[in-house]
Amino acid sequence: MKVHILFDDTGHVGAISHPRAGKKGEVLLGGFRPAAGQHAAIVEVPVELRHLKPRDLHEAVRVEHVKGEPRLVAKPKA
């Protein structure tokens, strides 16, 4: 499962949306417009987090860069 995310330079996820296919098969995104210090990407949700509802997923993840690509990872448990 992939999601469209808006995140900042520290890895904090500001917003998540689910991309959907348009009429011609193109991927329609959530309409995020990154500001200075923000980025948008489509990323895979880790298998162990796919059971979460969108709000819970948003609170449970952060972004880390792996080989230059953004990836969602679970936040460490407090």
C-alpha atoms as a PDB file:
ATOM      1  CA  MET A   1       0.000   0.000   0.000  1.00  0.00           C
ATOM      2  CA  LYS A   2       1.369   3.384  -0.974  1.00  0.00           C
ATOM      3  CA  VAL A   3       0.596   6.788   0.472  1.00  0.00           C
ATOM      4  CA  HIS A   4       1.381  10.353  -0.536  1.00  0.00           C
ATOM      5  CA  ILE A   5       3.155  12.169   2.285  1.00  0.00           C
ATOM      6  CA  LEU A   6       4.200  15.696   3.133  1.00  0.00           C
ATOM      7  CA  PHE A   7       7.225  15.770   5.433  1.00  0.00           C
ATOM      8  CA  ASP A   8       9.911  18.147   6.630  1.00  0.00           C
ATOM      9  CA  ASP A   9      13.703  18.026   6.797  1.00  0.00           C
ATOM     10  CA  THR A  10      13.597  16.369  10.243  1.00  0.00           C
ATOM     11  CA  GLY A  11      11.397  13.480   9.045  1.00  0.00           C
ATOM     12  CA  HIS A  12       8.189  14.739  10.689  1.00  0.00           C
ATOM     13  CA  VAL A  13       5.137  13.748   8.632  1.00  0.00           C
ATOM     14  CA  GLY A  14       2.788  16.712   8.268  1.00  0.00           C
ATOM     15  CA  ALA A  15       0.114  15.026   6.138  1.00  0.00           C
ATOM     16  CA  ILE A  16      -0.787  11.707   4.533  1.00  0.00           C
ATOM     17  CA  SER A  17      -3.215  10.962   1.724  1.00  0.00           C
ATOM     18  CA  HIS A  18      -3.974   7.899  -0.348  1.00  0.00           C
ATOM     19  CA  PRO A  19      -3.170   8.333  -4.046  1.00  0.00           C
ATOM     20  CA  ARG A  20      -5.813   7.120  -6.459  1.00  0.00           C
ATOM     21  CA  ALA A  21      -5.934   6.320 -10.153  1.00  0.00           C
ATOM     22  CA  GLY A  22      -7.442   8.859 -12.515  1.00  0.00           C
ATOM     23  CA  LYS A  23      -9.556   8.183 -15.603  1.00  0.00           C
ATOM     24  CA  LYS A  24      -6.545   7.406 -17.782  1.00  0.00           C
ATOM     25  CA  GLY A  25      -4.706   5.399 -15.133  1.00  0.00           C
ATOM     26  CA  GLU A  26      -2.513   8.281 -13.968  1.00  0.00           C
ATOM     27  CA  VAL A  27      -1.882   8.634 -10.260  1.00  0.00           C
ATOM     28  CA  LEU A  28      -3.708  11.547  -8.645  1.00  0.00           C
ATOM     29  CA  LEU A  29      -2.007  12.948  -5.574  1.00  0.00           C
ATOM     30  CA  GLY A  30      -3.343  14.677  -2.492  1.00  0.00           C
ATOM     31  CA  GLY A  31      -2.548  18.166  -3.729  1.00  0.00           C
ATOM     32  CA  PHE A  32       0.283  18.877  -1.301  1.00  0.00           C
ATOM     33  CA  ARG A  33       2.321  21.981  -2.068  1.00  0.00           C
ATOM     34  CA  PRO A  34       5.541  21.758  -0.083  1.00  0.00           C
ATOM     35  CA  ALA A  35       6.750  24.965   1.528  1.00  0.00           C
ATOM     36  CA  ALA A  36      10.389  25.760   2.276  1.00  0.00           C
ATOM     37  CA  GLY A  37      11.913  22.843   4.194  1.00  0.00           C
ATOM     38  CA  GLN A  38       9.078  20.476   3.214  1.00  0.00           C
ATOM     39  CA  HIS A  39       8.972  17.630   0.710  1.00  0.00           C
ATOM     40  CA  ALA A  40       6.293  15.408  -0.842  1.00  0.00           C
ATOM     41  CA  ALA A  41       6.679  11.810  -1.967  1.00  0.00           C
ATOM     42  CA  ILE A  42       4.772   8.606  -2.624  1.00  0.00           C
ATOM     43  CA  VAL A  43       6.082   5.901  -0.312  1.00  0.00           C
ATOM     44  CA  GLU A  44       5.263   2.345   0.660  1.00  0.00           C
ATOM     45  CA  VAL A  45       3.664   1.752   4.073  1.00  0.00           C
ATOM     46  CA  PRO A  46       5.655  -0.863   6.013  1.00  0.00           C
ATOM     47  CA  VAL A  47       3.807  -4.188   6.231  1.00  0.00           C
ATOM     48  CA  GLU A  48       3.730  -4.090  10.034  1.00  0.00           C
ATOM     49  CA  LEU A  49       1.852  -0.756   9.965  1.00  0.00           C
ATOM     50  CA  ARG A  50      -0.749  -1.442   7.252  1.00  0.00           C
ATOM     51  CA  HIS A  51      -3.417  -2.400   9.781  1.00  0.00           C
ATOM     52  CA  LEU A  52      -3.465   1.143  11.214  1.00  0.00           C
ATOM     53  CA  LYS A  53      -6.230   3.604  10.460  1.00  0.00           C
ATOM     54  CA  PRO A  54      -5.025   6.773   8.659  1.00  0.00           C
ATOM     55  CA  ARG A  55      -4.937   8.954  11.798  1.00  0.00           C
ATOM     56  CA  ASP A  56      -3.061   6.276  13.746  1.00  0.00           C
ATOM     57  CA  LEU A  57      -0.642   5.756  10.855  1.00  0.00           C
ATOM     58  CA  HIS A  58       0.082   9.489  10.742  1.00  0.00           C
ATOM     59  CA  GLU A  59       0.972   9.496  14.444  1.00  0.00           C
ATOM     60  CA  ALA A  60       3.025   6.272  14.268  1.00  0.00           C
ATOM     61  CA  VAL A  61       5.500   7.072  11.488  1.00  0.00           C
ATOM     62  CA  ARG A  62       8.345   9.330  10.503  1.00  0.00           C
ATOM     63  CA  VAL A  63      10.442   9.573   7.325  1.00  0.00           C
ATOM     64  CA  GLU A  64      14.022   8.401   7.026  1.00  0.00           C
ATOM     65  CA  HIS A  65      16.130   8.492   3.904  1.00  0.00           C
ATOM     66  CA  VAL A  66      17.492   5.136   2.787  1.00  0.00           C
ATOM     67  CA  LYS A  67      19.939   5.297  -0.135  1.00  0.00           C
ATOM     68  CA  GLY A  68      18.650   8.786  -0.893  1.00  0.00           C
ATOM     69  CA  GLU A  69      14.980   7.732  -1.032  1.00  0.00           C
ATOM     70  CA  PRO A  70      12.358   8.659   1.587  1.00  0.00           C
ATOM     71  CA  ARG A  71      10.871   5.719   3.497  1.00  0.00           C
ATOM     72  CA  LEU A  72       8.254   5.507   6.211  1.00  0.00           C
ATOM     73  CA  VAL A  73       9.470   3.929   9.425  1.00  0.00           C
ATOM     74  CA  ALA A  74       7.789   3.396  12.783  1.00  0.00           C
ATOM     75  CA  LYS A  75       8.573   6.003  15.409  1.00  0.00           C
ATOM     76  CA  PRO A  76      10.436   4.585  18.389  1.00  0.00           C
ATOM     77  CA  LYS A  77       8.110   3.717  21.252  1.00  0.00           C
ATOM     78  CA  ALA A  78       8.441   6.027  24.223  1.00  0.00           C
END
